[in-house]
Every structure is written in structure tokens, then in C-alpha cells.
Amino acid sequence: MKFERPCSASVKIYFYQLLLIFLLVPVPGSAQVQSEKGLPFITNYSPKTYKAFPQTWCVQEDENGIMYFGIQSYILEYDGVKWRKIIIHSEAGTAVVRSMAKHKDGLIYYGGFGDIGYLDDDSLGQKKAISLHDLIPEANRDFLDVWTAQATESGIYFQAREYIFRLDDKKPGSENRKIKVWTPQTKFMYTFYLDNNFYVHQQGLGLYKMTNDSLVLIPGSEFLGKERMQVMLPYSTANNEKRYLVGLFYSGLYIFNGKTFQPFATEADPIIKSGSILYKGLQSKNGNYILSTTGKGLVIVDSQGNLLQKINRDVGLQDESIYGVYEDDKGTLWLALDNGISRVETNSPFTKFSLQSGINTGVLNIIRFEGNLYVGTTNGLLVYNKETSFFDPIPGIPLNQIFSLAPDGKQLLVPGDGLFAIRGKNAYTIRASVSPDL
């Protein structure tokens, strides 16, 4: 009868934790730890969790760290424990909240289907939605979705395809609070606010800048009108010259220096130029760029275009169509998905290796030998592949429990169903099993 040492669930958990800690302890004189960075911790919230419609469009955090999510018919409120629905009353009937923005006074404004408004406390201290529909001139109330909202020094901008509204920068309840309206030549697609300047992309025309309350076409941006411009973010340079990272639906990224647009090639181009739509972008607190797509998850690149991370189903994300990205005050990434909401701990010092990393059985032992990471499991020996960020099985080692690994000069001894050695990541048999029952 084959002898097997029992491996309890608690032992497995312990070694998983040991694996995490071991990988994050720097090795003196070694740069290999960064190349062994594992997968981020991801928490997926399904529509069944918060009991509402699946599509989520935008995310915002208030001054107290409470999260808000724009969905159909509601704004979801999440305090880290409980979910609450804030009803949106819209003159148009069906309310879909596509956009939110936080003003410097802490108020959160929202743009919905045929409606704009803000969140304020009721008599019990709970948030409620207050519509500003009545402030919109009657002649300009025939609009549909409000796709972007921008909190600026001159007021709150709300962008629908049909109009741009600017709510003046006065406190709610102030008398004579007014809304100014701009009408497009074609359609307003998306707006951006950077360095105290307001920009809007017009379909078929290009990128416009608000100058003295007039929208002025930026020369050379006409090519942007042929596609949907979805992303405009700050781009840092060594001499602090103001530049911007611009992203289009299908054609990838460009650098805009205020006068010209130059293509910006990245290692993520096979994803963001694959035919899947580049939908939203965010510059994280550490300066990296988070780019989401509809159908391919998201990528994180640095300012040189190096691909730092891919976050998709392969690493545990529940859906790969991402309509909104938001980094909270703690550096945690929140994703508004076509099907649910996800929280990604991209800023955590801890990462994990799991089933998506090739570890599909219990971990019993771990060792670093000659710069390579080996993991003994209940089903053979694995070695970490830095090129693929995946643990590969080592051929020639029986698929049995590997409880110990012992360095011996230039070789790594592997006791198991027999005695084996690893030399140069290859397996050699020192002594085969004398009996299949041993």
C-alpha cells in the first residue's frame, strides 16, 4: 500500500502564506524579486451581491471613504460592509447614471439619462439624489445620456451628445444658480479637464478647447474626429514640459504637446489595438497608466510604454469589459464592469500565486536555488518561469508529494518516489523507486 503523509487544509494555507512572504523578501544583490511579482488580490462583487442591474458605468469616493457606483435606476453606496441603493428620479423615466464627479467642496455630482444632479444628506444623514433638471433651460432638455462630468474651477460640466451644460460654481440652494449651454456642430463625444483647461471631442471634427467660454478647434487634431477619443491624461517629461497622453477607440495612443500629435508605441499595443475598444484611462498615483478595454480587461503601462501588468479573467477578474476605472485614496483600483464591480489591490505590497499562476494543487515546500524559484506540491515539482510569470512542472519528477528540497552543491536534491536532482532546471534520477508501493 502506498504511503502518503497527510496534508491538512491548514498546512496548505500555511504554505500558501509562506509562499507569499518568501517571494516578497528581497534577496541581497538580486533584482529578481520584481520579475517574480505575483497576481493582485481581486475582490469581485456580482450583481447578486448588491441586488441590482449588472452594468456599472462609473465610480466615485466621498470624503469619508464611502464608494458610489453609477448603474441603471440607482447610485449604489458601499461602505465596505453594506450596499445601499440611492434612487434616481429622472424626468426621462429610466435613469442610467453614466458619470460622476466630486467638487472641491466634497459634493458628488452625477449625470444620468436625461438628468443631472448631486448627492446630499437627508434628515437622517443618509445620501439622497437631488435633481437639477429644473435649472436646465426648457429648450435644452431634449438630451439623453450624460457621458462625462467634470468638476472645474469655473463650475461643473456635464456632457451629453446633444449639449454641454455648465453649472455655475455656487453652493446648492443659492439663488440664481444657473446653467450655461453649448451646442455641438455634430455630437459631443467625451470631455476632459487637465491643467485647468476643459477639452471636448466632437465627432468627425476633432478636439476642442474651451477658451473665453467658446469652443475652439485645436489645429492638427482633425484626425481625432474620425474615431472616438476616449482618453486624455497628463504625460510627464524630464523637463516638466506639459504633454498629454491621448487614446483612441482602435488606433492606440498619441502624445500631444499642445501643438502636434505623435504616435506612442507601447508593449500593450497588441491588446489596445487588437480591435477591442480602448474605453477609459487613468493615471495612477505612482505615475503609471491604467487603460481599460471592452473585451480584453485592462493593462498597466509606464511612461515609456513598458507593459507592467495585465488584469483579465486569467488573473481572476470576473468580466473583461470595463466601463470605468477609479483609484481610491488608499491606492486601491475599482472597476465598473459590464457585469458587476471589482476591487483590485494594485497598490498592495502583497501579491499572490494561485491557480492562474499554474499552482493547481497544495503547496508543501518552497526554495530558491541558483536564482530560480521551486515549489514542491502534492502533485510534483514546479519552477517559476520569469518570461511567462507562470509555474511550469519539471518533467522527470514523479507527480507525487514533494515534502522537502535540499541544496547539495551545484544540485538540488528532490526526495519523493525515488531520489532526484535538479541541475540547470533539468531533472536527473539518482535512485529510482525500488517499489511502486514505497
Protein backbone atom coordinates (compact mmCIF):
# COMPACT_ATOMS: atom_id res chain seq x y z
CA MET A 1 0.00 0.00 0.00
CA LYS A 2 1.38 3.40 -0.98
CA PHE A 3 2.43 5.53 1.99
CA GLU A 4 1.33 9.19 1.93
CA ARG A 5 1.82 11.71 4.67
CA PRO A 6 -1.47 13.51 5.35
CA CYS A 7 -1.65 17.13 4.23
CA SER A 8 -4.37 19.04 6.05
CA ALA A 9 -6.08 22.20 4.80
CA SER A 10 -4.34 24.24 7.49
CA VAL A 11 -0.94 23.04 6.28
CA LYS A 12 -1.81 24.06 2.73
CA ILE A 13 -2.93 27.50 3.85
CA TYR A 14 0.24 27.96 5.89
CA PHE A 15 2.45 27.17 2.95
CA TYR A 16 0.47 29.45 0.65
CA GLN A 17 1.12 32.27 3.13
CA LEU A 18 4.76 31.27 3.39
CA LEU A 19 5.00 31.38 -0.38
CA LEU A 20 3.72 34.95 -0.47
CA ILE A 21 6.05 36.20 2.24
CA PHE A 22 9.07 34.38 0.84
CA LEU A 23 8.63 35.89 -2.59
CA LEU A 24 8.36 39.42 -1.25
CA VAL A 25 11.52 39.32 0.89
CA PRO A 26 14.31 40.87 -1.23
CA VAL A 27 17.37 38.78 -1.87
CA PRO A 28 20.58 40.81 -1.27
CA GLY A 29 22.22 41.76 -4.54
CA SER A 30 19.34 40.38 -6.58
CA ALA A 31 16.87 42.12 -8.91
CA GLN A 32 14.78 39.02 -9.41
CA VAL A 33 12.00 39.81 -6.92
CA GLN A 34 10.30 42.36 -9.18
CA SER A 35 10.28 39.83 -12.05
CA GLU A 36 8.52 37.40 -9.72
CA LYS A 37 5.73 39.77 -8.77
CA GLY A 38 2.58 37.72 -8.41
CA LEU A 39 -1.07 38.40 -9.12
CA PRO A 40 -3.00 41.17 -7.38
CA PHE A 41 -5.70 40.34 -4.88
CA ILE A 42 -9.05 40.82 -6.61
CA THR A 43 -12.46 41.00 -4.96
CA ASN A 44 -15.36 40.50 -7.37
CA TYR A 45 -18.81 41.80 -6.47
CA SER A 46 -21.51 40.18 -8.57
CA PRO A 47 -24.95 41.75 -9.18
CA LYS A 48 -26.34 39.12 -6.80
CA THR A 49 -24.23 40.65 -4.04
CA TYR A 50 -25.67 44.14 -4.30
CA LYS A 51 -29.01 43.04 -5.81
CA ALA A 52 -29.20 45.41 -8.75
CA PHE A 53 -28.62 45.53 -12.52
CA PRO A 54 -25.22 44.22 -13.66
CA GLN A 55 -23.89 47.06 -15.82
CA THR A 56 -21.81 49.58 -13.88
CA TRP A 57 -20.61 52.78 -15.54
CA CYS A 58 -18.73 54.98 -13.10
CA VAL A 59 -17.16 55.09 -9.64
CA GLN A 60 -16.59 57.86 -7.10
CA GLU A 61 -15.39 58.10 -3.49
CA ASP A 62 -16.65 60.62 -0.96
CA GLU A 63 -14.74 62.44 1.77
CA ASN A 64 -15.38 59.60 4.23
CA GLY A 65 -14.07 56.81 2.00
CA ILE A 66 -17.55 55.57 1.04
CA MET A 67 -17.79 54.33 -2.54
CA TYR A 68 -20.51 55.17 -5.07
CA PHE A 69 -21.28 53.40 -8.35
CA GLY A 70 -23.48 54.54 -11.22
CA ILE A 71 -25.85 51.87 -12.52
CA GLN A 72 -29.36 51.70 -14.00
CA SER A 73 -32.05 53.30 -11.82
CA TYR A 74 -29.70 53.84 -8.87
CA ILE A 75 -26.44 55.03 -7.47
CA LEU A 76 -25.03 52.24 -5.31
CA GLU A 77 -23.46 53.19 -1.99
CA TYR A 78 -20.91 50.85 -0.39
CA ASP A 79 -19.29 51.48 2.99
CA GLY A 80 -17.13 48.36 2.92
CA VAL A 81 -19.80 46.23 4.60
CA LYS A 82 -23.25 47.17 3.37
CA TRP A 83 -24.70 48.10 0.00
CA ARG A 84 -27.48 50.69 -0.31
CA LYS A 85 -29.40 51.91 -3.34
CA ILE A 86 -29.93 55.62 -3.86
CA ILE A 87 -32.93 56.07 -6.14
CA ILE A 88 -32.54 58.44 -9.09
CA HIS A 89 -35.72 60.24 -10.12
CA SER A 90 -35.49 61.19 -13.77
CA GLU A 91 -37.90 63.15 -15.92
CA ALA A 92 -36.99 60.74 -18.71
CA GLY A 93 -38.21 57.74 -16.71
CA THR A 94 -35.37 55.19 -16.92
CA ALA A 95 -32.32 56.60 -15.17
CA VAL A 96 -28.87 55.27 -16.02
CA VAL A 97 -26.06 57.05 -14.19
CA ARG A 98 -23.10 57.17 -16.60
CA SER A 99 -20.86 59.74 -14.91
CA MET A 100 -19.93 61.28 -11.56
CA ALA A 101 -17.54 64.00 -10.41
CA LYS A 102 -16.55 65.27 -6.97
CA HIS A 103 -16.42 69.01 -6.42
CA LYS A 104 -13.79 70.65 -4.22
CA ASP A 105 -16.47 71.12 -1.52
CA GLY A 106 -16.91 67.33 -1.39
CA LEU A 107 -20.29 67.16 -3.12
CA ILE A 108 -20.66 64.38 -5.69
CA TYR A 109 -22.45 65.37 -8.90
CA TYR A 110 -23.91 62.83 -11.30
CA GLY A 111 -25.06 62.67 -14.89
CA GLY A 112 -27.89 60.34 -15.79
CA PHE A 113 -30.24 59.64 -18.65
CA GLY A 114 -31.93 62.99 -19.32
CA ASP A 115 -30.94 64.27 -15.88
CA ILE A 116 -28.17 65.87 -13.84
CA GLY A 117 -27.94 66.29 -10.09
CA TYR A 118 -25.93 65.79 -6.93
CA LEU A 119 -25.88 63.77 -3.71
CA ASP A 120 -26.68 65.39 -0.38
CA ASP A 121 -27.65 64.28 3.12
CA ASP A 122 -31.27 63.86 4.11
CA SER A 123 -32.67 64.50 7.62
CA LEU A 124 -31.24 61.16 8.80
CA GLY A 125 -27.77 61.80 7.41
CA GLN A 126 -28.17 59.36 4.53
CA LYS A 127 -27.31 60.34 0.97
CA LYS A 128 -30.14 61.17 -1.41
CA ALA A 129 -30.14 62.29 -5.04
CA ILE A 130 -31.25 65.84 -5.81
CA SER A 131 -32.07 66.58 -9.45
CA LEU A 132 -31.04 69.82 -11.10
CA HIS A 133 -33.22 69.20 -14.13
CA ASP A 134 -35.33 72.28 -13.47
CA LEU A 135 -32.28 74.54 -13.84
CA ILE A 136 -31.73 73.40 -17.43
CA PRO A 137 -33.32 75.80 -19.96
CA GLU A 138 -36.51 74.25 -21.30
CA ALA A 139 -35.25 74.42 -24.88
CA ASN A 140 -32.28 72.20 -23.95
CA ARG A 141 -33.96 69.41 -22.01
CA ASP A 142 -34.14 67.04 -25.01
CA PHE A 143 -30.92 65.18 -24.23
CA LEU A 144 -30.21 61.54 -23.46
CA ASP A 145 -27.19 60.12 -21.58
CA VAL A 146 -24.73 62.35 -19.77
CA TRP A 147 -21.47 60.57 -20.52
CA THR A 148 -18.95 62.68 -18.62
CA ALA A 149 -18.95 65.10 -15.71
CA GLN A 150 -16.03 67.38 -14.83
CA ALA A 151 -15.60 69.42 -11.64
CA THR A 152 -13.62 72.54 -12.58
CA GLU A 153 -12.73 75.93 -11.14
CA SER A 154 -15.45 77.59 -13.20
CA GLY A 155 -18.21 75.11 -12.41
CA ILE A 156 -19.46 71.58 -13.07
CA TYR A 157 -19.55 70.48 -16.71
CA PHE A 158 -21.99 67.77 -17.84
CA GLN A 159 -21.59 66.35 -21.35
CA ALA A 160 -24.32 64.71 -23.37
CA ARG A 161 -24.10 64.03 -27.09
CA GLU A 162 -26.61 66.84 -27.64
CA TYR A 163 -25.27 69.54 -25.29
CA ILE A 164 -22.65 70.57 -22.79
CA PHE A 165 -24.04 72.09 -19.59
CA ARG A 166 -22.01 74.10 -17.11
CA LEU A 167 -23.48 74.59 -13.67
CA ASP A 168 -22.03 77.72 -12.09
CA ASP A 169 -19.77 77.33 -9.08
CA LYS A 170 -22.22 78.27 -6.34
CA LYS A 171 -23.40 76.36 -3.33
CA PRO A 172 -26.55 74.23 -3.72
CA GLY A 173 -29.62 76.21 -2.79
CA SER A 174 -28.06 79.52 -3.80
CA GLU A 175 -30.42 81.89 -5.52
CA ASN A 176 -29.98 82.47 -9.25
CA ARG A 177 -27.83 79.39 -9.73
CA LYS A 178 -27.68 78.99 -13.49
CA ILE A 179 -26.64 76.61 -16.23
CA LYS A 180 -24.87 77.69 -19.43
CA VAL A 181 -25.35 75.56 -22.55
CA TRP A 182 -23.17 74.79 -25.57
CA THR A 183 -24.50 73.04 -28.69
CA PRO A 184 -22.22 70.91 -30.92
CA GLN A 185 -21.72 71.17 -34.65
CA THR A 186 -22.01 67.38 -34.82
CA LYS A 187 -22.02 65.47 -31.50
CA PHE A 188 -20.08 65.93 -28.27
CA MET A 189 -18.38 62.61 -27.53
CA TYR A 190 -16.19 62.90 -24.41
CA THR A 191 -14.77 65.69 -22.25
CA PHE A 192 -11.51 66.06 -20.31
CA TYR A 193 -10.19 68.51 -17.73
CA LEU A 194 -6.44 68.95 -17.36
CA ASP A 195 -4.27 71.81 -16.08
CA ASN A 196 -7.36 73.99 -15.57
CA ASN A 197 -8.37 73.58 -19.21
CA PHE A 198 -11.60 71.99 -20.45
CA TYR A 199 -11.49 69.89 -23.63
CA VAL A 200 -14.20 68.18 -25.65
CA HIS A 201 -14.03 65.79 -28.58
CA GLN A 202 -16.54 66.40 -31.38
CA GLN A 203 -17.48 63.59 -33.71
CA GLY A 204 -15.97 64.00 -37.17
CA LEU A 205 -14.25 67.29 -36.29
CA GLY A 206 -11.52 66.85 -33.66
CA LEU A 207 -10.53 68.12 -30.23
CA TYR A 208 -11.81 71.47 -28.93
CA LYS A 209 -10.59 73.62 -26.05
CA MET A 210 -12.78 75.97 -24.02
CA THR A 211 -11.32 79.46 -24.47
CA ASN A 212 -13.17 82.51 -23.10
CA ASP A 213 -16.36 80.44 -22.99
CA SER A 214 -16.03 79.44 -26.64
CA LEU A 215 -15.05 76.04 -28.02
CA VAL A 216 -12.00 76.43 -30.28
CA LEU A 217 -10.69 73.63 -32.51
CA ILE A 218 -7.10 72.60 -31.79
CA PRO A 219 -5.22 72.70 -35.12
CA GLY A 220 -3.92 69.31 -36.15
CA SER A 221 -6.49 67.38 -34.12
CA GLU A 222 -8.84 66.82 -37.06
CA PHE A 223 -7.70 63.21 -37.42
CA LEU A 224 -9.10 62.51 -33.95
CA GLY A 225 -12.60 63.19 -35.22
CA LYS A 226 -12.51 60.07 -37.37
CA GLU A 227 -12.61 57.88 -34.26
CA ARG A 228 -13.79 58.13 -30.68
CA MET A 229 -11.27 59.84 -28.44
CA GLN A 230 -11.68 58.18 -25.05
CA VAL A 231 -8.54 59.04 -23.10
CA MET A 232 -6.65 62.24 -22.28
CA LEU A 233 -4.21 62.16 -19.37
CA PRO A 234 -1.15 64.08 -18.15
CA TYR A 235 2.15 62.85 -19.54
CA SER A 236 5.28 63.68 -17.57
CA THR A 237 8.59 64.60 -19.16
CA ALA A 238 12.05 65.11 -17.69
CA ASN A 239 11.94 68.88 -18.23
CA ASN A 240 8.32 69.18 -16.97
CA GLU A 241 7.03 70.20 -20.39
CA LYS A 242 3.24 69.91 -20.47
CA ARG A 243 2.24 66.96 -22.60
CA TYR A 244 -0.78 64.71 -22.71
CA LEU A 245 -1.45 61.06 -23.43
CA VAL A 246 -4.34 60.71 -25.89
CA GLY A 247 -6.12 57.43 -26.59
CA LEU A 248 -8.48 56.46 -29.40
CA PHE A 249 -11.02 53.66 -29.75
CA TYR A 250 -8.93 51.49 -32.08
CA SER A 251 -5.76 53.33 -33.13
CA GLY A 252 -3.93 53.33 -29.82
CA LEU A 253 -2.10 56.15 -28.06
CA TYR A 254 -0.60 59.52 -29.01
CA ILE A 255 1.46 62.17 -27.22
CA PHE A 256 0.10 65.72 -27.58
CA ASN A 257 2.50 68.56 -26.74
CA GLY A 258 -0.02 71.37 -27.24
CA LYS A 259 0.73 71.65 -30.94
CA THR A 260 1.31 68.26 -32.51
CA PHE A 261 0.28 64.65 -32.00
CA GLN A 262 2.84 61.84 -32.21
CA PRO A 263 2.05 58.10 -32.05
CA PHE A 264 3.09 56.49 -28.77
CA ALA A 265 4.00 52.83 -29.13
CA THR A 266 3.65 50.54 -26.11
CA GLU A 267 4.11 46.87 -25.33
CA ALA A 268 0.34 46.80 -24.75
CA ASP A 269 -0.44 47.68 -28.38
CA PRO A 270 -1.36 44.07 -29.29
CA ILE A 271 -4.19 44.44 -26.76
CA ILE A 272 -5.33 48.04 -27.13
CA LYS A 273 -5.07 47.89 -30.95
CA SER A 274 -6.49 44.39 -31.28
CA GLY A 275 -9.99 45.50 -32.29
CA SER A 276 -11.22 45.56 -28.73
CA ILE A 277 -12.20 49.09 -27.72
CA LEU A 278 -9.91 51.27 -25.61
CA TYR A 279 -12.56 52.73 -23.33
CA LYS A 280 -11.17 54.53 -20.27
CA GLY A 281 -7.83 55.65 -18.89
CA LEU A 282 -6.41 56.72 -15.55
CA GLN A 283 -3.01 57.88 -14.35
CA SER A 284 -2.38 56.22 -11.01
CA LYS A 285 -0.76 57.90 -8.05
CA ASN A 286 2.57 56.25 -8.88
CA GLY A 287 2.51 57.73 -12.40
CA ASN A 288 1.64 54.57 -14.33
CA TYR A 289 -1.22 54.43 -16.83
CA ILE A 290 -4.22 52.17 -16.39
CA LEU A 291 -6.03 51.56 -19.67
CA SER A 292 -9.30 49.63 -19.78
CA THR A 293 -10.93 47.96 -22.75
CA THR A 294 -14.24 46.41 -23.62
CA GLY A 295 -13.43 42.75 -24.07
CA LYS A 296 -9.74 42.44 -23.09
CA GLY A 297 -9.66 43.61 -19.47
CA LEU A 298 -7.11 46.27 -18.63
CA VAL A 299 -3.39 46.89 -18.98
CA ILE A 300 -0.98 48.93 -16.89
CA VAL A 301 1.92 50.61 -18.69
CA ASP A 302 4.59 53.05 -17.57
CA SER A 303 5.53 56.35 -19.22
CA GLN A 304 7.98 54.54 -21.52
CA GLY A 305 5.26 52.21 -22.77
CA ASN A 306 6.50 49.12 -20.93
CA LEU A 307 3.74 46.65 -20.12
CA LEU A 308 3.72 46.19 -16.35
CA GLN A 309 0.59 44.15 -15.81
CA LYS A 310 -2.47 42.65 -17.48
CA ILE A 311 -5.65 42.23 -15.46
CA ASN A 312 -8.27 39.99 -17.05
CA ARG A 313 -10.06 36.70 -16.49
CA ASP A 314 -6.72 34.89 -16.45
CA VAL A 315 -5.82 36.57 -13.16
CA GLY A 316 -9.29 36.34 -11.59
CA LEU A 317 -11.29 39.29 -12.96
CA GLN A 318 -14.96 38.37 -13.33
CA ASP A 319 -15.58 40.35 -16.54
CA GLU A 320 -13.30 41.82 -19.22
CA SER A 321 -15.46 44.75 -20.38
CA ILE A 322 -14.52 47.69 -18.16
CA TYR A 323 -16.54 50.91 -18.43
CA GLY A 324 -14.97 52.84 -15.58
CA VAL A 325 -11.73 52.88 -13.57
CA TYR A 326 -11.11 54.69 -10.29
CA GLU A 327 -8.25 54.77 -7.79
CA ASP A 328 -9.38 55.47 -4.24
CA ASP A 329 -7.48 57.36 -1.55
CA LYS A 330 -5.72 54.15 -0.45
CA GLY A 331 -4.48 53.37 -3.94
CA THR A 332 -6.98 50.54 -4.50
CA LEU A 333 -8.35 50.21 -8.00
CA TRP A 334 -12.14 49.96 -8.52
CA LEU A 335 -13.53 48.72 -11.83
CA ALA A 336 -17.01 49.36 -13.19
CA LEU A 337 -17.78 46.31 -15.32
CA ASP A 338 -20.35 45.23 -17.85
CA ASN A 339 -21.21 42.56 -15.31
CA GLY A 340 -20.53 43.65 -11.76
CA ILE A 341 -17.87 45.56 -9.83
CA SER A 342 -14.30 44.55 -8.96
CA ARG A 343 -11.74 45.81 -6.48
CA VAL A 344 -8.09 45.24 -7.41
CA GLU A 345 -5.30 45.67 -4.86
CA THR A 346 -2.73 47.00 -7.31
CA ASN A 347 -1.07 49.10 -4.62
CA SER A 348 -0.67 46.32 -2.06
CA PRO A 349 2.87 45.16 -1.16
CA PHE A 350 1.50 41.61 -1.18
CA THR A 351 0.66 39.62 -4.27
CA LYS A 352 -0.31 36.00 -4.73
CA PHE A 353 0.39 32.96 -6.86
CA SER A 354 -2.64 30.80 -7.43
CA LEU A 355 -4.38 28.54 -9.93
CA GLN A 356 -3.97 31.27 -12.55
CA SER A 357 -0.20 31.08 -11.93
CA GLY A 358 -0.04 27.34 -12.55
CA ILE A 359 -0.31 26.19 -8.91
CA ASN A 360 -3.28 23.86 -9.06
CA THR A 361 -2.54 21.65 -6.04
CA GLY A 362 -1.42 22.12 -2.44
CA VAL A 363 1.95 23.78 -1.78
CA LEU A 364 4.22 21.75 0.53
CA ASN A 365 7.68 23.27 0.10
CA ILE A 366 9.41 26.25 -1.44
CA ILE A 367 13.04 27.15 -2.10
CA ARG A 368 15.12 29.50 -4.19
CA PHE A 369 18.08 27.73 -5.82
CA GLU A 370 20.56 29.31 -8.23
CA GLY A 371 18.20 32.23 -8.79
CA ASN A 372 15.20 30.06 -9.64
CA LEU A 373 12.11 29.52 -7.52
CA TYR A 374 11.00 25.91 -6.94
CA VAL A 375 7.73 24.82 -5.35
CA GLY A 376 7.11 21.29 -4.12
CA THR A 377 3.42 20.42 -4.35
CA THR A 378 1.16 17.47 -3.69
CA ASN A 379 1.50 16.68 -7.38
CA GLY A 380 5.14 17.13 -8.35
CA LEU A 381 7.72 19.92 -8.60
CA LEU A 382 7.18 23.34 -10.23
CA VAL A 383 9.64 26.04 -11.28
CA TYR A 384 8.80 29.69 -11.87
CA ASN A 385 9.16 30.92 -15.45
CA LYS A 386 10.02 34.63 -15.36
CA GLU A 387 9.18 35.06 -19.04
CA THR A 388 5.59 33.85 -18.70
CA SER A 389 5.06 34.60 -14.96
CA PHE A 390 3.87 31.00 -14.66
CA PHE A 391 4.93 27.94 -12.67
CA ASP A 392 5.86 25.09 -15.01
CA PRO A 393 6.05 21.42 -13.99
CA ILE A 394 9.52 19.86 -14.23
CA PRO A 395 9.49 16.76 -16.44
CA GLY A 396 11.12 13.70 -14.92
CA ILE A 397 9.89 14.33 -11.38
CA PRO A 398 7.06 11.91 -10.45
CA LEU A 399 3.72 13.57 -9.80
CA ASN A 400 3.75 12.75 -6.11
CA GLN A 401 4.05 14.77 -2.91
CA ILE A 402 7.28 16.76 -2.61
CA PHE A 403 7.78 17.49 1.10
CA SER A 404 11.42 18.64 1.05
CA LEU A 405 14.01 20.20 -1.23
CA ALA A 406 17.69 20.19 -0.24
CA PRO A 407 20.54 22.12 -1.91
CA ASP A 408 23.64 19.97 -2.39
CA GLY A 409 26.43 21.95 -4.01
CA LYS A 410 25.50 22.53 -7.65
CA GLN A 411 22.39 20.41 -7.48
CA LEU A 412 19.03 20.48 -5.73
CA LEU A 413 18.01 17.16 -4.19
CA VAL A 414 14.35 16.18 -4.56
CA PRO A 415 13.26 13.26 -2.36
CA GLY A 416 10.00 11.70 -3.46
CA ASP A 417 9.07 8.48 -5.13
CA GLY A 418 12.79 7.89 -5.51
CA LEU A 419 15.64 10.40 -5.23
CA PHE A 420 16.17 13.03 -7.91
CA ALA A 421 18.37 16.05 -8.54
CA ILE A 422 17.83 19.34 -10.36
CA ARG A 423 20.79 20.67 -12.31
CA GLY A 424 20.24 23.67 -14.54
CA LYS A 425 16.45 23.30 -14.15
CA ASN A 426 16.66 19.76 -15.57
CA ALA A 427 15.76 16.63 -13.59
CA TYR A 428 18.12 13.67 -13.13
CA THR A 429 17.40 10.38 -11.40
CA ILE A 430 19.81 9.48 -8.61
CA ARG A 431 17.88 6.46 -7.39
CA ALA A 432 14.59 5.27 -8.80
CA SER A 433 11.85 3.93 -6.57
CA VAL A 434 12.55 0.36 -5.60
CA SER A 435 8.86 -0.36 -5.45
CA PRO A 436 5.70 1.42 -6.61
CA ASP A 437 4.41 0.80 -3.08
CA LEU A 438 7.27 2.62 -1.33
